[in-house]
Protein backbone atom coordinates (compact mmCIF):
# COMPACT_ATOMS: atom_id res chain seq x y z
CA GLN A 1 18.69 -29.54 -61.10
CA VAL A 2 18.30 -28.49 -57.85
CA GLN A 3 17.49 -24.60 -57.14
CA LEU A 4 17.30 -23.43 -54.02
CA VAL A 5 16.31 -19.42 -54.72
CA GLU A 6 16.32 -16.80 -51.51
CA SER A 7 14.87 -13.42 -51.19
CA GLY A 8 14.09 -10.96 -48.34
CA GLY A 9 17.23 -9.76 -47.43
CA GLY A 10 17.61 -5.73 -47.62
CA LEU A 11 18.94 -3.02 -45.35
CA VAL A 12 17.37 -2.62 -42.30
CA GLN A 13 17.68 -0.97 -39.20
CA SER A 14 18.35 -1.99 -35.81
CA GLY A 15 15.88 -3.23 -34.08
CA GLY A 16 13.73 -3.99 -37.72
CA SER A 17 12.65 -6.64 -38.74
CA LEU A 18 13.11 -8.70 -42.04
CA ARG A 19 11.61 -12.16 -43.39
CA LEU A 20 14.13 -14.63 -45.57
CA SER A 21 12.05 -16.59 -48.19
CA CYS A 22 13.52 -19.81 -50.16
CA ALA A 23 11.59 -21.62 -53.04
CA ALA A 24 13.38 -25.12 -53.63
CA SER A 25 13.13 -27.57 -56.57
CA GLY A 26 14.79 -30.54 -57.73
CA ILE A 27 14.32 -31.98 -54.85
CA VAL A 28 12.02 -34.18 -52.89
CA PHE A 29 11.60 -31.18 -50.19
CA GLY A 30 10.04 -33.34 -47.67
CA LEU A 31 12.55 -35.19 -46.84
CA TYR A 32 15.22 -33.17 -46.34
CA VAL A 33 16.66 -30.74 -43.33
CA MET A 34 16.23 -27.53 -44.36
CA GLY A 35 18.57 -25.06 -43.07
CA TRP A 36 19.63 -21.00 -43.56
CA TYR A 37 23.08 -20.73 -42.82
CA ARG A 38 24.80 -16.74 -42.95
CA GLN A 39 28.60 -15.46 -44.06
CA ALA A 40 29.65 -12.33 -42.50
CA PRO A 41 32.90 -10.12 -44.38
CA GLY A 42 35.90 -11.76 -42.93
CA LYS A 43 33.97 -15.08 -40.83
CA GLN A 44 33.56 -18.28 -41.33
CA ARG A 45 29.84 -19.25 -42.54
CA GLU A 46 27.77 -20.61 -39.83
CA LEU A 47 24.41 -22.29 -39.10
CA VAL A 48 21.81 -19.77 -38.46
CA ALA A 49 18.60 -22.30 -37.54
CA SER A 50 17.71 -25.81 -39.48
CA ILE A 51 13.86 -27.36 -39.71
CA ASN A 52 13.70 -31.21 -40.17
CA SER A 53 10.98 -33.06 -41.55
CA ILE A 54 9.04 -33.28 -38.62
CA THR A 55 9.37 -29.75 -37.93
CA ALA A 56 12.16 -29.58 -34.39
CA THR A 57 13.85 -26.75 -35.12
CA ASN A 58 17.27 -25.78 -33.80
CA TYR A 59 18.84 -21.75 -33.60
CA ALA A 60 22.33 -20.46 -33.08
CA ASP A 61 22.55 -19.36 -29.50
CA SER A 62 23.04 -16.06 -30.65
CA VAL A 63 19.58 -16.05 -32.64
CA LYS A 64 17.30 -18.15 -30.17
CA GLY A 65 14.34 -15.91 -29.15
CA ARG A 66 14.45 -13.39 -32.20
CA PHE A 67 14.63 -15.98 -35.29
CA THR A 68 11.88 -18.48 -36.45
CA ILE A 69 12.57 -20.96 -38.92
CA SER A 70 9.34 -22.46 -40.83
CA ARG A 71 8.46 -24.40 -43.53
CA ASP A 72 5.71 -24.97 -46.26
CA ASP A 73 6.56 -28.32 -47.51
CA TYR A 74 3.50 -27.44 -50.27
CA LYS A 75 5.07 -25.02 -51.39
CA ASN A 76 8.25 -26.22 -51.20
CA ALA A 77 9.73 -23.43 -49.09
CA VAL A 78 11.33 -22.78 -46.04
CA TYR A 79 11.47 -18.88 -44.63
CA LEU A 80 13.54 -17.25 -41.62
CA GLN A 81 11.67 -14.66 -39.55
CA MET A 82 14.01 -11.79 -38.26
CA ASN A 83 13.22 -10.08 -35.59
CA SER A 84 14.99 -7.59 -32.97
CA LEU A 85 18.33 -7.67 -35.57
CA LYS A 86 21.33 -5.87 -34.64
CA PRO A 87 24.30 -4.87 -36.80
CA GLU A 88 25.92 -8.08 -36.00
CA ASP A 89 23.66 -9.87 -38.30
CA THR A 90 24.69 -8.30 -41.10
CA ALA A 91 26.08 -11.14 -43.37
CA VAL A 92 25.19 -12.94 -46.83
CA TYR A 93 22.48 -15.55 -46.00
CA TYR A 94 22.40 -18.70 -47.59
CA CYS A 95 19.55 -21.22 -48.13
CA ASN A 96 21.07 -25.27 -47.74
CA ALA A 97 18.93 -28.56 -48.16
CA GLY A 98 20.76 -32.01 -46.40
CA GLY A 99 23.61 -29.75 -44.17
CA ALA A 100 26.64 -28.93 -45.12
CA VAL A 101 27.29 -31.57 -48.14
CA GLY A 102 23.91 -31.39 -49.14
CA TYR A 103 22.77 -27.97 -51.41
CA TRP A 104 23.28 -24.42 -51.20
CA GLY A 105 21.72 -21.11 -52.73
CA LYS A 106 23.06 -18.26 -53.99
CA GLY A 107 22.38 -16.21 -50.78
CA THR A 108 20.83 -13.14 -50.30
CA LEU A 109 22.81 -9.95 -48.21
CA VAL A 110 20.86 -8.66 -44.47
CA THR A 111 22.66 -5.58 -43.60
CA VAL A 112 21.38 -3.93 -40.23
CA SER A 113 22.50 -0.58 -39.54
CA SER A 114 22.96 0.98 -36.22
């Protein structure tokens, strides 16, 4: 059974930082492109960042220079370091393995207050 479990969300003031973690099980982790998506109220889910098996990364323009995705294939984990957070970063953040047709976590809420 595949499980992706996110942690690290919470309430932070504008300009602050949070680090999201995602623990994966039930997949051959090293073979998957891992990603973080987010969905704000009333908006579609969007890709925030992704990292492939050779650690090539991709970021949404809105988070470039502020967010960093990383992975630890020994721990079957992927991380999202979020710095200089803005109120518009408020959303539920989802861990993903394998893209839109892959596997999803249940999400963790990030709220950035102004």
